[in-house]
Every structure is written in C-alpha cells, then in structure tokens.
Amino acid sequence: MPDNGTVTDARIRASFARQGLMRTLGAALGRIAPGEVEIVLTPKPEISQQHGFVHAGAVSAIADSAAGYAALSLMPQGAGVLTVEFKISLLAPAQGERITARGRVVRQGRTLSFAQTEVFARTGGEERLIASLSATMMAITDRAGIEG
C-alpha cells in the first residue's frame, strides 16, 4: 500500500540526496506525486559532449532515475528499487535552458514495475520532447537498512 504524499516526498528526497551521480550532474528533484517524479537538469559544460549538447549519458541517467523514483513512490516502506532494463530513444539534441525528465509508472506489480519517462528541453518558455525511455524496475528489500 502506498504511503501518504508527505512520507513519499521525504522518502524520495532522502534517497535522491544519497545519489552521487545526480549531485555530480547538478540534477534536482522537481514535482513528486504517487507514481510520478520529475528530475531537472541545468545544462553546463561539464556534462556536455563534443558538440556542446548535454551528453546522452546525462540524459539517460536522469530519465532512468525519474522512472525509478516514480516506481519507488508506489512501493511499501522498507522496499527499494533497481533498474532491470531500459531502452531510451534520443529524439533531438539535448540543448536549452533546462532539461526535464518526467517519469511515471505505467503498471505497478508486486515485484516488477513498468515505467516511462519523457525528457524535454526548455528554451524561451517552450518545451520540446528530446528523449523517451521505457524501463522495468524491480522491488528489492534493502538488507543494509537504507530505503530507495
């Protein structure tokens, strides 16, 4: 049974704060709701590729994490989540003032969940779709006592 929004928000934020890669990328959490999580990234030279676009690895990382946290938001306390597989389609160069990954759960199971993330680039108040990710997430029991 999912927990209430306040507990879910705190749980997601605590787990996200432990992710070194998200910190290295400069990513931040946006909107959090049951079954939905948004991760925002501000482009900077340190995460670009040779043409100046945000590197596909950075785009993939925030898309995967948004899907994973969307799945975690529906899991019971004490459960964690691991990505089993994902497929990403890069539809346009990742460039703009802000890159936003919006993950949502499509189907939640006891052990496996299926989630999708759409990634958008924002420039001058307009968003355009730049990537789409489909992922399977697995619920785990964290034996170390750390959720997420």
C-alpha atoms as a PDB file:
ATOM      1  CA  MET A   1       0.000   0.000   0.000  1.00  0.00           C
ATOM      2  CA  PRO A   2       1.489   3.393  -0.913  1.00  0.00           C
ATOM      3  CA  ASP A   3       2.244   5.816   1.883  1.00  0.00           C
ATOM      4  CA  ASN A   4       0.846   9.332   2.053  1.00  0.00           C
ATOM      5  CA  GLY A   5       2.307  12.117  -0.081  1.00  0.00           C
ATOM      6  CA  THR A   6       4.315  13.699   2.741  1.00  0.00           C
ATOM      7  CA  VAL A   7       6.112  10.464   3.603  1.00  0.00           C
ATOM      8  CA  THR A   8       6.630   9.643  -0.091  1.00  0.00           C
ATOM      9  CA  ASP A   9       8.087  13.095  -0.776  1.00  0.00           C
ATOM     10  CA  ALA A  10      10.509  12.850   2.159  1.00  0.00           C
ATOM     11  CA  ARG A  11      11.447   9.277   1.235  1.00  0.00           C
ATOM     12  CA  ILE A  12      12.191  10.187  -2.402  1.00  0.00           C
ATOM     13  CA  ARG A  13      14.159  13.298  -1.411  1.00  0.00           C
ATOM     14  CA  ALA A  14      16.255  11.377   1.141  1.00  0.00           C
ATOM     15  CA  SER A  15      17.104   8.669  -1.391  1.00  0.00           C
ATOM     16  CA  PHE A  16      17.864  11.206  -4.126  1.00  0.00           C
ATOM     17  CA  ALA A  17      20.228  13.070  -1.781  1.00  0.00           C
ATOM     18  CA  ARG A  18      22.312   9.876  -1.477  1.00  0.00           C
ATOM     19  CA  GLN A  19      22.863   9.646  -5.256  1.00  0.00           C
ATOM     20  CA  GLY A  20      26.349  10.853  -6.046  1.00  0.00           C
ATOM     21  CA  LEU A  21      25.749  10.834  -9.804  1.00  0.00           C
ATOM     22  CA  MET A  22      22.735  13.144  -9.573  1.00  0.00           C
ATOM     23  CA  ARG A  23      24.784  15.516  -7.396  1.00  0.00           C
ATOM     24  CA  THR A  24      27.693  15.372  -9.878  1.00  0.00           C
ATOM     25  CA  LEU A  25      25.345  16.157 -12.773  1.00  0.00           C
ATOM     26  CA  GLY A  26      23.749  19.020 -10.848  1.00  0.00           C
ATOM     27  CA  ALA A  27      20.306  17.397 -11.145  1.00  0.00           C
ATOM     28  CA  ALA A  28      17.472  18.330  -8.796  1.00  0.00           C
ATOM     29  CA  LEU A  29      14.086  16.892  -7.972  1.00  0.00           C
ATOM     30  CA  GLY A  30      11.048  18.681  -9.303  1.00  0.00           C
ATOM     31  CA  ARG A  31       7.466  17.549  -8.835  1.00  0.00           C
ATOM     32  CA  ILE A  32       6.842  14.391  -6.787  1.00  0.00           C
ATOM     33  CA  ALA A  33       3.483  12.628  -6.720  1.00  0.00           C
ATOM     34  CA  PRO A  34       2.457   8.986  -6.264  1.00  0.00           C
ATOM     35  CA  GLY A  35       3.623   7.213  -9.418  1.00  0.00           C
ATOM     36  CA  GLU A  36       5.244  10.336 -10.884  1.00  0.00           C
ATOM     37  CA  VAL A  37       8.615  12.016 -10.368  1.00  0.00           C
ATOM     38  CA  GLU A  38      10.329  14.854 -12.212  1.00  0.00           C
ATOM     39  CA  ILE A  39      14.089  15.468 -12.334  1.00  0.00           C
ATOM     40  CA  VAL A  40      15.502  18.747 -13.645  1.00  0.00           C
ATOM     41  CA  LEU A  41      18.966  19.361 -15.051  1.00  0.00           C
ATOM     42  CA  THR A  42      20.564  22.673 -15.988  1.00  0.00           C
ATOM     43  CA  PRO A  43      22.992  22.244 -18.888  1.00  0.00           C
ATOM     44  CA  LYS A  44      26.618  23.111 -18.167  1.00  0.00           C
ATOM     45  CA  PRO A  45      29.909  22.459 -19.973  1.00  0.00           C
ATOM     46  CA  GLU A  46      30.900  19.682 -17.538  1.00  0.00           C
ATOM     47  CA  ILE A  47      28.058  17.443 -18.758  1.00  0.00           C
ATOM     48  CA  SER A  48      28.239  18.258 -22.461  1.00  0.00           C
ATOM     49  CA  GLN A  49      29.559  16.236 -25.350  1.00  0.00           C
ATOM     50  CA  GLN A  50      31.896  17.500 -28.088  1.00  0.00           C
ATOM     51  CA  HIS A  51      29.184  19.464 -29.949  1.00  0.00           C
ATOM     52  CA  GLY A  52      28.011  21.302 -26.844  1.00  0.00           C
ATOM     53  CA  PHE A  53      24.796  19.307 -26.282  1.00  0.00           C
ATOM     54  CA  VAL A  54      24.071  17.655 -22.927  1.00  0.00           C
ATOM     55  CA  HIS A  55      25.655  14.205 -23.148  1.00  0.00           C
ATOM     56  CA  ALA A  56      23.317  11.279 -23.814  1.00  0.00           C
ATOM     57  CA  GLY A  57      24.684   9.621 -20.668  1.00  0.00           C
ATOM     58  CA  ALA A  58      23.414  12.512 -18.542  1.00  0.00           C
ATOM     59  CA  VAL A  59      20.032  12.465 -20.291  1.00  0.00           C
ATOM     60  CA  SER A  60      19.803   8.692 -19.794  1.00  0.00           C
ATOM     61  CA  ALA A  61      20.763   8.979 -16.130  1.00  0.00           C
ATOM     62  CA  ILE A  62      18.044  11.489 -15.235  1.00  0.00           C
ATOM     63  CA  ALA A  63      15.462   9.600 -17.321  1.00  0.00           C
ATOM     64  CA  ASP A  64      16.307   6.285 -15.606  1.00  0.00           C
ATOM     65  CA  SER A  65      16.261   7.897 -12.150  1.00  0.00           C
ATOM     66  CA  ALA A  66      12.907   9.596 -12.803  1.00  0.00           C
ATOM     67  CA  ALA A  67      11.393   6.227 -13.778  1.00  0.00           C
ATOM     68  CA  GLY A  68      12.946   4.522 -10.764  1.00  0.00           C
ATOM     69  CA  TYR A  69      11.739   7.121  -8.294  1.00  0.00           C
ATOM     70  CA  ALA A  70       8.254   7.049  -9.828  1.00  0.00           C
ATOM     71  CA  ALA A  71       8.220   3.286  -9.138  1.00  0.00           C
ATOM     72  CA  LEU A  72       9.649   3.750  -5.633  1.00  0.00           C
ATOM     73  CA  SER A  73       6.884   6.218  -4.804  1.00  0.00           C
ATOM     74  CA  LEU A  74       4.352   3.355  -5.034  1.00  0.00           C
ATOM     75  CA  MET A  75       6.380   0.765  -3.127  1.00  0.00           C
ATOM     76  CA  PRO A  76       5.870  -0.006   0.554  1.00  0.00           C
ATOM     77  CA  GLN A  77       8.171   1.361   3.237  1.00  0.00           C
ATOM     78  CA  GLY A  78      11.310  -0.754   3.522  1.00  0.00           C
ATOM     79  CA  ALA A  79      11.438  -1.523  -0.201  1.00  0.00           C
ATOM     80  CA  GLY A  80      13.988  -0.205  -2.645  1.00  0.00           C
ATOM     81  CA  VAL A  81      14.148  -0.231  -6.415  1.00  0.00           C
ATOM     82  CA  LEU A  82      16.668  -1.346  -9.018  1.00  0.00           C
ATOM     83  CA  THR A  83      16.509  -0.943 -12.775  1.00  0.00           C
ATOM     84  CA  VAL A  84      16.259  -4.300 -14.545  1.00  0.00           C
ATOM     85  CA  GLU A  85      16.378  -2.871 -18.065  1.00  0.00           C
ATOM     86  CA  PHE A  86      15.674   0.274 -20.021  1.00  0.00           C
ATOM     87  CA  LYS A  87      15.503   1.457 -23.589  1.00  0.00           C
ATOM     88  CA  ILE A  88      15.932   5.088 -24.493  1.00  0.00           C
ATOM     89  CA  SER A  89      15.246   6.795 -27.795  1.00  0.00           C
ATOM     90  CA  LEU A  90      17.094  10.078 -28.256  1.00  0.00           C
ATOM     91  CA  LEU A  91      14.815  12.172 -30.457  1.00  0.00           C
ATOM     92  CA  ALA A  92      16.628  15.524 -30.615  1.00  0.00           C
ATOM     93  CA  PRO A  93      19.819  17.134 -29.271  1.00  0.00           C
ATOM     94  CA  ALA A  94      19.656  17.954 -25.566  1.00  0.00           C
ATOM     95  CA  GLN A  95      20.111  21.696 -25.572  1.00  0.00           C
ATOM     96  CA  GLY A  96      18.307  24.555 -23.902  1.00  0.00           C
ATOM     97  CA  GLU A  97      17.995  26.357 -20.599  1.00  0.00           C
ATOM     98  CA  ARG A  98      16.725  23.307 -18.734  1.00  0.00           C
ATOM     99  CA  ILE A  99      16.311  19.570 -19.321  1.00  0.00           C
ATOM    100  CA  THR A 100      13.393  17.917 -17.511  1.00  0.00           C
ATOM    101  CA  ALA A 101      12.745  14.177 -17.156  1.00  0.00           C
ATOM    102  CA  ARG A 102       9.169  13.248 -16.193  1.00  0.00           C
ATOM    103  CA  GLY A 103       8.849   9.636 -15.065  1.00  0.00           C
ATOM    104  CA  ARG A 104       5.563   7.847 -14.465  1.00  0.00           C
ATOM    105  CA  VAL A 105       4.523   4.327 -13.604  1.00  0.00           C
ATOM    106  CA  VAL A 106       2.510   2.616 -16.319  1.00  0.00           C
ATOM    107  CA  ARG A 107       1.980  -0.663 -14.466  1.00  0.00           C
ATOM    108  CA  GLN A 108       2.877  -1.478 -10.879  1.00  0.00           C
ATOM    109  CA  GLY A 109       3.362  -5.094  -9.844  1.00  0.00           C
ATOM    110  CA  ARG A 110       4.479  -6.667  -6.574  1.00  0.00           C
ATOM    111  CA  THR A 111       7.997  -7.303  -7.844  1.00  0.00           C
ATOM    112  CA  LEU A 112       8.285  -5.656 -11.255  1.00  0.00           C
ATOM    113  CA  SER A 113       7.023  -2.261 -12.369  1.00  0.00           C
ATOM    114  CA  PHE A 114       6.971  -0.758 -15.834  1.00  0.00           C
ATOM    115  CA  ALA A 115       7.640   2.978 -16.117  1.00  0.00           C
ATOM    116  CA  GLN A 116       8.113   5.521 -18.864  1.00  0.00           C
ATOM    117  CA  THR A 117       9.966   8.816 -18.881  1.00  0.00           C
ATOM    118  CA  GLU A 118       9.688  11.653 -21.336  1.00  0.00           C
ATOM    119  CA  VAL A 119      12.567  14.121 -21.404  1.00  0.00           C
ATOM    120  CA  PHE A 120      12.020  17.705 -22.510  1.00  0.00           C
ATOM    121  CA  ALA A 121      14.356  20.599 -23.326  1.00  0.00           C
ATOM    122  CA  ARG A 122      13.068  24.058 -22.387  1.00  0.00           C
ATOM    123  CA  THR A 123      14.132  27.158 -24.275  1.00  0.00           C
ATOM    124  CA  GLY A 124      12.416  30.538 -24.005  1.00  0.00           C
ATOM    125  CA  GLY A 125       9.376  29.104 -22.245  1.00  0.00           C
ATOM    126  CA  GLU A 126       8.814  26.381 -24.844  1.00  0.00           C
ATOM    127  CA  GLU A 127       9.380  22.677 -24.248  1.00  0.00           C
ATOM    128  CA  ARG A 128      10.206  20.093 -26.868  1.00  0.00           C
ATOM    129  CA  LEU A 129      10.444  16.336 -26.461  1.00  0.00           C
ATOM    130  CA  ILE A 130      14.057  15.175 -26.819  1.00  0.00           C
ATOM    131  CA  ALA A 131      14.006  11.609 -25.434  1.00  0.00           C
ATOM    132  CA  SER A 132      11.688   8.791 -24.417  1.00  0.00           C
ATOM    133  CA  LEU A 133      12.609   5.968 -22.035  1.00  0.00           C
ATOM    134  CA  SER A 134      10.802   2.733 -21.170  1.00  0.00           C
ATOM    135  CA  ALA A 135      12.033   0.832 -18.132  1.00  0.00           C
ATOM    136  CA  THR A 136      11.384  -2.201 -15.977  1.00  0.00           C
ATOM    137  CA  MET A 137      12.057  -1.709 -12.271  1.00  0.00           C
ATOM    138  CA  MET A 138      12.434  -4.399  -9.617  1.00  0.00           C
ATOM    139  CA  ALA A 139      11.392  -4.026  -5.987  1.00  0.00           C
ATOM    140  CA  ILE A 140      14.114  -5.076  -3.562  1.00  0.00           C
ATOM    141  CA  THR A 141      14.419  -5.377   0.184  1.00  0.00           C
ATOM    142  CA  ASP A 142      17.437  -3.407   1.250  1.00  0.00           C
ATOM    143  CA  ARG A 143      19.266  -5.572   3.754  1.00  0.00           C
ATOM    144  CA  ALA A 144      21.523  -2.668   4.724  1.00  0.00           C
ATOM    145  CA  GLY A 145      18.537  -0.784   6.157  1.00  0.00           C
ATOM    146  CA  ILE A 146      18.594   2.049   3.612  1.00  0.00           C
ATOM    147  CA  GLU A 147      15.464   2.545   1.557  1.00  0.00           C
ATOM    148  CA  GLY A 148      15.374   3.721  -2.043  1.00  0.00           C
END
